[in-house]
Every structure is written in C-alpha cells, then in structure tokens.
Amino acid sequence: MTWKTPTFIDVLRARRQISPFLKATALLTYPSLDELTGCHLLVKHENHLPTGAFKVRGGINLISQLAADEARRGVISASTGNHGQSIAYGARLFGVRSIICVPERPNPAKLESMKNLGAEILVGGGDFDEAREHCERLAAKEGYRYIHSGNEPLLIAGVATASLEVLEEQPETEVLLVPVGGGSGAAGACIVAKSLNPVIAVIGVQSEGAPAAYRSWKARQLVEDKMNTWAEGLQTRTAFELPQKILWDKLDDLILVSDEQIRQATRLMIEKTRNLVEGAAAAPLAAALKLKDRLAGKRVALICSGGNLSLEQLRELLNR
C-alpha cells in the first residue's frame, strides 16, 4: 500500500485541527539534569496531555478528518495503551465508535483509561504485533475503518505538532531526542526540524530489547526482531513502512539503550522533574547520558512522550 508522506504544511493543518482541544505542553529546564548530562536540556512534557501521552495529538487529528462513511462504520486499532487512548479520546470527541485490540496482560492504567474513554476492548494475542494482526483480520471481516499505529499520515502530522511547539518556543534548539517504537513521533520530529532548520539533529532512541526499527533504519529495509523490553511504548517486533521511509530520508541517527539504562533514566526523570514518566518517555534521557560527550554544551530537547506508568511498574522500578 502507498501512503502520502506528510509535509510541514500537513503539520500546520494538524495544529489547526487539534488546537481547539489541546493546549501546548510545557517545555521546562531542570538544572540537575543539565549537570548530569553536560548539555542545556529541555524537557517537552507530553505526559501533561489529557491521556498522559503524545499520541493523542494524532488521534484527534485523524478522527476529526474521517469521511462520513468511515465515522459511521466506526474505527478499530491495536495498541499497548497510548495509541489506543489517543484513538478512544478522539472518537469520544467526535461521536465515533472505537474498538481497541490489546495484547494479553496490558498495562492496567492504560486499559482503564481506554475503557473510561468509551472504547470497546478486545484482548487477543500474546504481544502487540499479535494483537495488531488480530485487529487487521477483524477490520477486514467487519468493515471497520482500521487505524494502523504508524502507517497513517494524519497520525504522524498530528504528533509532529509536539516538535513544532518545541522549536517555536526554543528555535535555538540544536538536537531533538525522540523515543522510537513504531517511529511516528521521530518521523514527525524529522518533518518539522528539517523543514524549519535542516542543521537541527534528530536522534531516535530505541530499546536494545526491541530493535526492529533500529535494524530497519540501518538496513534501509523493513525487518523483524525480538520484542523483549520493559518499556512497553517501545514494544514492536516489526518496523512500520511509512515512518521508516521518513526516517530513512531525514533522521540523523538512531541509537539503542539497554532496559537497565531506561530504568535508571526513568527513576532520574521522576526524581529530578517531579513528574511521573513511563519507560519510553525516559529513553531520550538514557540516550543523553549515553551520548554525554557528543552532546556536551548543546541545546537539547527531550520528548517526554508519556507518563502512563502503572503502580505495579512503579513499585518494581523503585524496589530494584
């Protein structure tokens, strides 16, 4: 299937679509993080959004532009939580039926949120990709409008508005560090940064335990790999075609960090920013610590993608 690659104009249109429903999130500095990383660090607090994660930007942008027939049929998608919340949130705003397929043993906080937003939950598959495959079969059988978590231009344009807000507020930013699961956030960051100032470096960050996007970016072709990471927002065993095409063209670097580095960064983010953050959101800080020499003295913005850490995960994290 061929998708239209979103442009900077699409990002501006997305901001117009979502601005009546979402306020710009905070972009804050923390001297203790500057000292730890050796750079001038900015944290983009997407965890402050209504669903606690950046993906709601894309959900509102896409659902608000559904064709009448698509809205009537209802939408279906697969998610470990944050993408599902975004679709459910947008669907509730615009009166559209939403069905979310989740893997077994989902994050209970994210699951409760999706239910409270009115989504119908279907559990199927041992991991995200099995849930996605189940979802695709149901969409074909029942005629729902299937929403892929990465191969959707309107989702990418929507989440790109986070990076647009960063560069509007701090145009001197030299580096954007963005977590990578499916890659929509990093793809959106690339579109914005390279349109406004091509010298801005966009660096994606993925877990060593789920490196499909990293290996696909390196190989310039889609590959599958293991999926064994604590950071559920980074849990994908297959790369997604549309985000990868954008990353192949525009991303400056993509690095891997270990789950232990992600856990350490999560604890640091909670302690130093006084915010609850999930593993995927802390991965950029893990990268900043790993790339300390390379980023020394630079103006670096971290996309803190979400704060949906369950109580069980928090207890496990603090007890280690």
Protein backbone atom coordinates (compact mmCIF):
# COMPACT_ATOMS: atom_id res chain seq x y z
CA MET A 1 0.00 0.00 0.00
CA THR A 2 1.20 3.53 -0.78
CA TRP A 3 0.70 6.34 1.74
CA LYS A 4 1.10 10.07 1.20
CA THR A 5 4.15 11.27 3.09
CA PRO A 6 3.06 14.12 5.38
CA THR A 7 4.66 17.52 4.85
CA PHE A 8 5.26 20.53 7.05
CA ILE A 9 2.05 22.03 5.65
CA ASP A 10 0.21 18.95 6.94
CA VAL A 11 1.70 19.59 10.39
CA LEU A 12 0.42 23.18 10.34
CA ARG A 13 -3.01 21.90 9.32
CA ALA A 14 -2.87 19.35 12.14
CA ARG A 15 -2.17 22.08 14.65
CA ARG A 16 -5.24 23.94 13.42
CA GLN A 17 -7.31 20.77 13.86
CA ILE A 18 -6.15 19.95 17.38
CA SER A 19 -5.66 23.42 18.90
CA PRO A 20 -9.34 23.79 19.96
CA PHE A 21 -8.93 20.63 22.05
CA LEU A 22 -5.33 20.59 23.30
CA LYS A 23 -3.15 23.29 24.81
CA ALA A 24 0.59 23.42 24.11
CA THR A 25 2.51 21.36 26.67
CA ALA A 26 5.22 22.71 28.94
CA LEU A 27 8.86 22.90 27.83
CA LEU A 28 10.90 23.06 31.02
CA THR A 29 14.52 23.12 32.13
CA TYR A 30 15.98 21.28 35.14
CA PRO A 31 19.46 22.34 36.35
CA SER A 32 20.06 18.92 37.90
CA LEU A 33 19.54 17.24 34.51
CA ASP A 34 21.86 19.78 32.87
CA GLU A 35 24.53 18.82 35.37
CA LEU A 36 24.02 15.10 34.81
CA THR A 37 24.10 15.30 31.01
CA GLY A 38 26.53 18.16 30.44
CA CYS A 39 24.18 19.88 27.98
CA HIS A 40 21.44 22.53 28.08
CA LEU A 41 18.44 20.24 28.42
CA LEU A 42 14.80 21.00 27.71
CA VAL A 43 12.02 18.52 28.56
CA LYS A 44 8.86 18.59 26.43
CA HIS A 45 6.19 17.35 28.82
CA GLU A 46 3.80 15.36 26.65
CA ASN A 47 2.90 13.50 29.84
CA HIS A 48 0.79 16.57 30.70
CA LEU A 49 -1.70 15.89 27.88
CA PRO A 50 -5.20 14.59 28.77
CA THR A 51 -4.32 10.95 28.04
CA GLY A 52 -0.86 11.30 29.55
CA ALA A 53 0.89 10.74 26.19
CA PHE A 54 1.82 12.49 22.95
CA LYS A 55 -0.20 10.22 20.68
CA VAL A 56 -3.48 11.97 21.48
CA ARG A 57 -2.37 14.69 19.07
CA GLY A 58 -2.52 12.23 16.21
CA GLY A 59 -5.76 10.66 17.38
CA ILE A 60 -7.62 13.96 17.37
CA ASN A 61 -6.15 14.97 14.02
CA LEU A 62 -7.16 11.73 12.33
CA ILE A 63 -10.60 11.21 13.87
CA SER A 64 -11.56 14.83 13.19
CA GLN A 65 -10.98 14.23 9.47
CA LEU A 66 -12.71 10.88 8.96
CA ALA A 67 -15.01 10.61 5.99
CA ALA A 68 -18.69 10.38 6.94
CA ASP A 69 -18.83 6.72 5.92
CA GLU A 70 -15.73 5.88 8.00
CA ALA A 71 -17.18 7.62 11.04
CA ARG A 72 -20.45 5.74 10.62
CA ARG A 73 -18.71 2.35 10.41
CA GLY A 74 -16.54 3.00 13.45
CA VAL A 75 -12.79 2.64 13.91
CA ILE A 76 -10.61 -0.20 15.13
CA SER A 77 -6.96 -0.24 16.12
CA ALA A 78 -4.38 -2.22 18.09
CA SER A 79 -2.37 -0.79 20.95
CA THR A 80 -0.44 -1.45 24.12
CA GLY A 81 -2.17 1.63 25.51
CA ASN A 82 -1.09 5.12 24.47
CA HIS A 83 -2.12 4.88 20.82
CA GLY A 84 -5.38 3.23 21.88
CA GLN A 85 -6.09 6.06 24.31
CA SER A 86 -5.49 8.58 21.55
CA ILE A 87 -7.99 6.90 19.22
CA ALA A 88 -10.55 6.49 22.00
CA TYR A 89 -10.14 10.12 23.04
CA GLY A 90 -10.61 11.43 19.51
CA ALA A 91 -13.53 9.06 18.90
CA ARG A 92 -15.30 10.27 22.03
CA LEU A 93 -14.83 13.90 20.98
CA PHE A 94 -16.46 13.31 17.62
CA GLY A 95 -19.03 10.66 18.49
CA VAL A 96 -17.38 7.74 16.70
CA ARG A 97 -17.44 4.12 17.85
CA SER A 98 -13.95 2.86 18.73
CA ILE A 99 -12.65 -0.68 19.22
CA ILE A 100 -9.15 -1.28 20.56
CA CYS A 101 -7.39 -4.66 20.37
CA VAL A 102 -4.87 -5.12 23.17
CA PRO A 103 -2.40 -7.92 23.95
CA GLU A 104 -2.76 -10.15 26.98
CA ARG A 105 -1.65 -8.59 30.29
CA PRO A 106 -1.97 -4.94 29.19
CA ASN A 107 -0.91 -2.00 31.35
CA PRO A 108 -3.90 -1.73 33.75
CA ALA A 109 -3.74 2.07 33.95
CA LYS A 110 -3.85 2.41 30.17
CA LEU A 111 -6.55 -0.25 29.88
CA GLU A 112 -8.77 1.53 32.41
CA SER A 113 -8.26 4.82 30.61
CA MET A 114 -9.28 3.37 27.23
CA LYS A 115 -12.43 1.87 28.78
CA ASN A 116 -13.30 5.13 30.52
CA LEU A 117 -12.93 6.96 27.22
CA GLY A 118 -15.61 4.71 25.76
CA ALA A 119 -13.53 2.26 23.74
CA GLU A 120 -14.62 -1.35 23.35
CA ILE A 121 -11.67 -3.54 24.38
CA LEU A 122 -10.81 -6.83 22.70
CA VAL A 123 -7.98 -8.89 24.20
CA GLY A 124 -6.14 -11.11 21.75
CA GLY A 125 -2.52 -12.10 21.22
CA GLY A 126 0.50 -12.50 23.42
CA ASP A 127 2.11 -9.24 22.30
CA PHE A 128 1.35 -6.04 20.39
CA ASP A 129 2.01 -7.46 16.96
CA GLU A 130 -0.27 -10.44 17.53
CA ALA A 131 -2.97 -8.03 18.72
CA ARG A 132 -2.39 -5.95 15.59
CA GLU A 133 -2.76 -8.97 13.33
CA HIS A 134 -5.99 -9.91 15.11
CA CYS A 135 -7.21 -6.35 14.69
CA GLU A 136 -6.49 -6.34 10.95
CA ARG A 137 -8.49 -9.55 10.47
CA LEU A 138 -11.46 -8.09 12.33
CA ALA A 139 -11.33 -4.85 10.33
CA ALA A 140 -11.43 -6.78 7.06
CA LYS A 141 -14.26 -9.01 8.25
CA GLU A 142 -16.50 -6.37 9.84
CA GLY A 143 -15.75 -3.35 7.65
CA TYR A 144 -14.40 -1.08 10.37
CA ARG A 145 -12.05 1.78 9.49
CA TYR A 146 -8.69 0.26 10.51
CA ILE A 147 -6.20 2.72 12.02
CA HIS A 148 -2.61 1.49 11.92
CA SER A 149 -0.48 2.93 14.72
CA GLY A 150 2.27 4.06 12.34
CA ASN A 151 1.21 3.94 8.69
CA GLU A 152 -1.19 6.87 8.94
CA PRO A 153 -0.15 10.30 7.56
CA LEU A 154 -2.63 12.15 9.78
CA LEU A 155 -1.27 10.47 12.93
CA ILE A 156 2.29 11.45 12.03
CA ALA A 157 1.29 15.02 11.20
CA GLY A 158 -0.59 15.25 14.49
CA VAL A 159 2.21 14.02 16.75
CA ALA A 160 4.65 16.26 14.85
CA THR A 161 2.97 19.28 16.44
CA ALA A 162 4.88 18.49 19.66
CA SER A 163 8.19 19.14 17.91
CA LEU A 164 6.72 22.22 16.26
CA GLU A 165 5.90 23.63 19.69
CA VAL A 166 9.46 22.95 20.86
CA LEU A 167 11.06 24.84 18.01
CA GLU A 168 8.60 27.72 18.13
CA GLU A 169 9.37 28.25 21.81
CA GLN A 170 13.11 27.50 21.58
CA PRO A 171 14.30 27.98 17.97
CA GLU A 172 17.92 27.72 19.13
CA THR A 173 17.46 24.01 19.83
CA GLU A 174 20.28 22.01 18.26
CA VAL A 175 19.22 18.41 18.95
CA LEU A 176 15.88 16.64 19.31
CA LEU A 177 15.94 13.28 21.14
CA VAL A 178 12.82 11.23 20.44
CA PRO A 179 11.80 7.74 21.59
CA VAL A 180 11.12 5.21 18.81
CA GLY A 181 8.63 2.37 18.97
CA GLY A 182 6.77 2.42 15.68
CA GLY A 183 8.53 5.67 14.78
CA SER A 184 5.66 8.12 14.24
CA GLY A 185 7.00 10.61 16.79
CA ALA A 186 10.52 10.57 15.38
CA ALA A 187 9.17 10.81 11.82
CA GLY A 188 7.11 13.84 12.82
CA ALA A 189 10.11 15.44 14.52
CA CYS A 190 12.14 14.97 11.34
CA ILE A 191 9.50 16.62 9.16
CA VAL A 192 9.35 19.66 11.43
CA ALA A 193 13.05 20.05 12.18
CA LYS A 194 14.29 19.58 8.63
CA SER A 195 11.66 21.99 7.31
CA LEU A 196 12.47 24.75 9.79
CA ASN A 197 16.22 24.30 10.19
CA PRO A 198 17.99 21.38 8.49
CA VAL A 199 21.02 21.61 10.78
CA ILE A 200 18.95 20.51 13.78
CA ALA A 201 19.92 16.92 14.56
CA VAL A 202 17.07 14.50 15.18
CA ILE A 203 18.15 11.38 17.06
CA GLY A 204 15.82 8.46 17.68
CA VAL A 205 16.15 6.19 20.71
CA GLN A 206 15.04 2.56 20.89
CA SER A 207 15.45 -0.25 23.40
CA GLU A 208 18.04 -2.97 22.77
CA GLY A 209 15.27 -5.39 23.70
CA ALA A 210 13.11 -4.41 20.71
CA PRO A 211 15.40 -3.14 17.93
CA ALA A 212 13.28 -3.74 14.81
CA ALA A 213 13.05 -0.03 13.89
CA TYR A 214 16.78 0.45 14.55
CA ARG A 215 17.77 -2.51 12.37
CA SER A 216 15.33 -1.45 9.64
CA TRP A 217 16.75 2.06 9.64
CA LYS A 218 20.29 0.73 9.40
CA ALA A 219 19.45 -1.74 6.62
CA ARG A 220 17.10 0.62 4.72
CA GLN A 221 14.57 -2.21 4.56
CA LEU A 222 11.87 -3.49 6.89
CA VAL A 223 12.96 -6.26 9.26
CA GLU A 224 11.51 -8.10 12.25
CA ASP A 225 13.31 -8.72 15.51
CA LYS A 226 12.79 -9.73 19.13
CA MET A 227 10.48 -7.77 21.40
CA ASN A 228 11.62 -8.06 24.98
CA THR A 229 11.73 -4.66 26.62
CA TRP A 230 10.36 -3.28 29.88
CA ALA A 231 9.37 -0.04 28.12
CA GLU A 232 6.02 -1.03 26.62
CA GLY A 233 5.85 2.11 24.46
CA LEU A 234 8.88 0.73 22.60
CA GLN A 235 7.48 -2.79 22.21
CA THR A 236 7.34 -3.50 18.47
CA ARG A 237 8.85 -6.51 16.71
CA THR A 238 8.17 -5.19 13.20
CA ALA A 239 9.06 -1.84 11.66
CA PHE A 240 6.38 0.31 10.01
CA GLU A 241 6.75 1.32 6.39
CA LEU A 242 5.62 4.97 6.34
CA PRO A 243 7.58 6.15 9.42
CA GLN A 244 10.64 4.24 8.20
CA LYS A 245 10.56 5.93 4.79
CA ILE A 246 10.61 9.30 6.51
CA LEU A 247 13.37 8.21 8.91
CA TRP A 248 15.49 6.79 6.06
CA ASP A 249 15.34 10.17 4.37
CA LYS A 250 15.61 12.58 7.29
CA LEU A 251 16.74 11.01 10.58
CA ASP A 252 20.29 11.87 11.65
CA ASP A 253 20.88 8.92 13.97
CA LEU A 254 19.11 6.14 15.83
CA ILE A 255 20.72 4.60 18.89
CA LEU A 256 19.94 1.73 21.22
CA VAL A 257 19.86 1.88 25.01
CA SER A 258 19.53 -1.02 27.40
CA ASP A 259 16.50 -1.63 29.58
CA GLU A 260 18.65 -1.00 32.63
CA GLN A 261 19.63 2.39 31.21
CA ILE A 262 15.93 3.11 30.56
CA ARG A 263 15.02 2.14 34.11
CA GLN A 264 17.78 4.32 35.53
CA ALA A 265 16.62 7.24 33.37
CA THR A 266 13.01 6.71 34.44
CA ARG A 267 14.00 6.93 38.10
CA LEU A 268 16.03 10.06 37.38
CA MET A 269 13.18 11.71 35.47
CA ILE A 270 10.76 11.03 38.30
CA GLU A 271 13.21 12.31 40.91
CA LYS A 272 14.57 15.36 39.09
CA THR A 273 11.44 16.62 37.30
CA ARG A 274 8.86 15.57 39.94
CA ASN A 275 6.81 14.05 37.13
CA LEU A 276 5.56 10.51 36.63
CA VAL A 277 7.04 9.22 33.37
CA GLU A 278 6.95 5.85 31.65
CA GLY A 279 9.91 3.96 30.24
CA ALA A 280 9.56 5.12 26.64
CA ALA A 281 9.46 8.74 27.80
CA ALA A 282 12.71 8.31 29.73
CA ALA A 283 14.57 6.67 26.83
CA PRO A 284 15.70 10.08 25.47
CA LEU A 285 17.32 10.87 28.82
CA ALA A 286 19.04 7.48 28.72
CA ALA A 287 20.37 8.48 25.30
CA ALA A 288 21.51 11.90 26.54
CA LEU A 289 23.51 10.19 29.27
CA LYS A 290 24.95 7.67 26.82
CA LEU A 291 25.87 10.44 24.33
CA LYS A 292 27.17 12.82 27.00
CA ASP A 293 30.44 13.63 25.23
CA ARG A 294 28.76 14.09 21.85
CA LEU A 295 26.06 16.42 23.25
CA ALA A 296 28.29 18.42 25.61
CA GLY A 297 27.27 22.08 25.70
CA LYS A 298 24.50 21.69 23.12
CA ARG A 299 20.88 22.79 23.40
CA VAL A 300 18.99 19.51 23.52
CA ALA A 301 15.23 18.92 23.72
CA LEU A 302 13.88 15.61 25.02
CA ILE A 303 10.40 14.50 24.00
CA CYS A 304 8.96 13.12 27.25
CA SER A 305 6.37 11.07 25.40
CA GLY A 306 4.15 9.90 28.24
CA GLY A 307 3.57 9.32 31.92
CA ASN A 308 1.38 6.23 31.97
CA LEU A 309 3.38 4.12 34.38
CA SER A 310 1.27 1.64 36.32
CA LEU A 311 1.52 1.33 40.11
CA GLU A 312 2.95 -2.16 39.68
CA GLN A 313 5.63 -0.86 37.30
CA LEU A 314 6.42 2.00 39.66
CA ARG A 315 6.82 -0.34 42.63
CA GLU A 316 9.03 -2.66 40.60
CA LEU A 317 11.12 0.27 39.41
CA LEU A 318 11.67 1.76 42.88
CA ASN A 319 12.37 -1.60 44.51
CA ARG A 320 15.21 -2.50 42.15
